[in-house]
Amino acid sequence: MARRAEWSELQGRAGRRSPFLNYEWLEAAWQWRRQDAQLHVLCCMRGEDLVGALPLLRKIGSGSGPGRTLKFLSVPDTQACDVLAAEPERLSVAAALADEIVRRHAERDAIILRNLPAVAIVLYDLLHALSRPGLHCALNKGH
């Protein structure tokens, strides 16, 4: 993951006070998950500055199935997940993340993003950026 100071500074600029986007929460979640997963944090940089991040993991495995699916870095107590980006950077961060996800699409079968708050960047900006020809995106509202 990005360094603690960079992450905390970005979270302050983003105005997102969710404890589930805190560096400390994600670090603790990673310590809990590190035995069964690989960390995949997509970071967006503008020069030397961290402007966006999408903390993901992939369950360890091979072939198709769980090992080829990315999910949010979370634990059972995690109540909300999202992209971390400051308001002025939301669209450019979503576009950059979408470009990287599309560029590396052959490495995975799916990205499943759950526990999204109603105002999640994933629900609006990232989903919009990913809705391009040839890429299947689905928003499943469920339990």
Protein backbone atom coordinates (compact mmCIF):
# COMPACT_ATOMS: atom_id res chain seq x y z
CA MET A 1 0.00 0.00 0.00
CA ALA A 2 0.97 3.63 -0.19
CA ARG A 3 2.80 5.04 2.79
CA ARG A 4 0.71 5.93 5.83
CA ALA A 5 1.34 9.70 5.61
CA GLU A 6 0.38 9.86 1.90
CA TRP A 7 -2.76 7.79 2.48
CA SER A 8 -3.85 9.84 5.50
CA GLU A 9 -3.22 13.10 3.66
CA LEU A 10 -5.31 11.89 0.70
CA GLN A 11 -8.10 10.79 3.02
CA GLY A 12 -8.08 14.25 4.60
CA ARG A 13 -8.33 15.91 1.17
CA ALA A 14 -11.08 13.51 0.17
CA GLY A 15 -13.20 14.48 3.17
CA ARG A 16 -14.10 10.81 3.58
CA ARG A 17 -14.03 10.11 7.31
CA SER A 18 -15.07 6.47 7.00
CA PRO A 19 -12.94 4.39 9.36
CA PHE A 20 -12.97 1.67 6.69
CA LEU A 21 -10.86 3.83 4.36
CA ASN A 22 -8.29 4.63 7.07
CA TYR A 23 -4.78 3.36 6.49
CA GLU A 24 -4.83 1.71 9.91
CA TRP A 25 -8.05 -0.20 9.17
CA LEU A 26 -6.76 -1.40 5.81
CA GLU A 27 -3.39 -2.36 7.28
CA ALA A 28 -5.13 -4.41 9.98
CA ALA A 29 -7.40 -6.00 7.36
CA TRP A 30 -4.34 -6.90 5.29
CA GLN A 31 -2.64 -8.49 8.31
CA TRP A 32 -5.76 -10.62 8.80
CA ARG A 33 -6.06 -11.56 5.08
CA ARG A 34 -2.40 -11.96 4.09
CA GLN A 35 -2.39 -15.74 4.60
CA ASP A 36 -5.06 -16.39 1.97
CA ALA A 37 -4.74 -13.46 -0.45
CA GLN A 38 -2.48 -11.27 -2.54
CA LEU A 39 -2.63 -7.50 -2.15
CA HIS A 40 -3.53 -5.48 -5.27
CA VAL A 41 -3.74 -1.77 -4.47
CA LEU A 42 -4.15 0.42 -7.54
CA CYS A 43 -2.69 3.85 -6.80
CA CYS A 44 -3.11 6.95 -8.95
CA MET A 45 -0.27 9.44 -8.82
CA ARG A 46 -0.05 13.00 -10.09
CA GLY A 47 3.67 13.59 -10.10
CA GLU A 48 4.77 12.62 -6.59
CA ASP A 49 1.31 13.03 -5.05
CA LEU A 50 -1.11 10.19 -4.32
CA VAL A 51 -4.47 11.33 -5.73
CA GLY A 52 -6.45 8.08 -5.70
CA ALA A 53 -6.40 4.48 -4.55
CA LEU A 54 -8.43 1.32 -4.93
CA PRO A 55 -7.48 -1.25 -2.25
CA LEU A 56 -8.12 -4.73 -3.63
CA LEU A 57 -7.02 -8.27 -2.97
CA ARG A 58 -7.10 -11.56 -4.79
CA LYS A 59 -7.69 -14.82 -3.00
CA ILE A 60 -4.75 -17.15 -3.48
CA GLY A 61 -5.51 -19.86 -5.99
CA SER A 62 -4.81 -20.78 -9.57
CA GLY A 63 -6.79 -21.25 -12.72
CA SER A 64 -10.28 -19.83 -12.96
CA GLY A 65 -12.47 -19.04 -10.01
CA PRO A 66 -11.57 -17.28 -6.76
CA GLY A 67 -7.89 -16.82 -7.66
CA ARG A 68 -8.82 -14.75 -10.70
CA THR A 69 -11.31 -12.47 -8.95
CA LEU A 70 -10.38 -9.18 -7.32
CA LYS A 71 -12.36 -7.89 -4.34
CA PHE A 72 -12.03 -5.02 -1.91
CA LEU A 73 -9.46 -5.43 0.83
CA SER A 74 -11.87 -6.13 3.66
CA VAL A 75 -12.67 -8.35 6.60
CA PRO A 76 -16.08 -9.48 7.90
CA ASP A 77 -16.40 -6.33 10.06
CA THR A 78 -15.85 -3.97 7.10
CA GLN A 79 -19.10 -2.08 6.54
CA ALA A 80 -18.18 0.22 3.63
CA CYS A 81 -15.66 0.11 0.78
CA ASP A 82 -14.87 2.53 -2.02
CA VAL A 83 -12.23 4.22 -4.11
CA LEU A 84 -10.30 6.85 -2.17
CA ALA A 85 -10.04 10.12 -4.11
CA ALA A 86 -10.39 13.82 -3.39
CA GLU A 87 -13.47 15.49 -4.87
CA PRO A 88 -11.64 17.47 -7.60
CA GLU A 89 -9.86 14.29 -8.71
CA ARG A 90 -12.80 11.85 -8.72
CA LEU A 91 -13.34 11.72 -12.47
CA SER A 92 -9.69 11.60 -13.45
CA VAL A 93 -8.98 8.92 -10.80
CA ALA A 94 -11.96 6.84 -11.97
CA ALA A 95 -10.78 7.13 -15.60
CA ALA A 96 -7.20 6.15 -14.69
CA LEU A 97 -8.39 3.18 -12.61
CA ALA A 98 -10.70 2.05 -15.42
CA ASP A 99 -7.84 2.29 -17.93
CA GLU A 100 -5.62 0.12 -15.71
CA ILE A 101 -8.40 -2.40 -15.05
CA VAL A 102 -9.07 -2.71 -18.78
CA ARG A 103 -5.36 -2.87 -19.62
CA ARG A 104 -4.88 -5.79 -17.24
CA HIS A 105 -8.22 -7.54 -17.90
CA ALA A 106 -6.58 -10.80 -19.04
CA GLU A 107 -5.22 -11.30 -15.49
CA ARG A 108 -8.66 -11.76 -13.95
CA ASP A 109 -12.12 -13.10 -14.56
CA ALA A 110 -14.01 -10.53 -12.48
CA ILE A 111 -13.84 -7.69 -10.02
CA ILE A 112 -16.55 -7.91 -7.37
CA LEU A 113 -17.01 -4.76 -5.29
CA ARG A 114 -19.40 -5.00 -2.34
CA ASN A 115 -20.26 -2.98 0.77
CA LEU A 116 -20.67 0.23 -1.21
CA PRO A 117 -22.16 3.30 0.48
CA ALA A 118 -24.90 5.15 -1.43
CA VAL A 119 -22.44 7.88 -2.48
CA ALA A 120 -19.64 5.52 -3.52
CA ILE A 121 -17.26 6.66 -6.25
CA VAL A 122 -17.45 3.07 -7.52
CA LEU A 123 -21.21 3.35 -8.10
CA TYR A 124 -20.99 6.48 -10.20
CA ASP A 125 -17.62 7.52 -11.57
CA LEU A 126 -15.84 4.16 -11.81
CA LEU A 127 -18.86 2.28 -13.17
CA HIS A 128 -19.35 5.01 -15.78
CA ALA A 129 -15.65 4.91 -16.74
CA LEU A 130 -15.78 1.11 -17.06
CA SER A 131 -18.90 1.13 -19.25
CA ARG A 132 -17.10 0.93 -22.56
CA PRO A 133 -17.58 -1.40 -25.51
CA GLY A 134 -16.60 -4.99 -24.84
CA LEU A 135 -16.51 -4.72 -21.06
CA HIS A 136 -19.42 -6.18 -19.10
CA CYS A 137 -20.32 -4.19 -15.98
CA ALA A 138 -23.25 -5.10 -13.79
CA LEU A 139 -24.69 -3.38 -10.77
CA ASN A 140 -26.47 -5.96 -8.64
CA LYS A 141 -28.55 -4.51 -5.86
CA GLY A 142 -29.07 -7.18 -3.30
CA HIS A 143 -28.74 -8.20 0.27
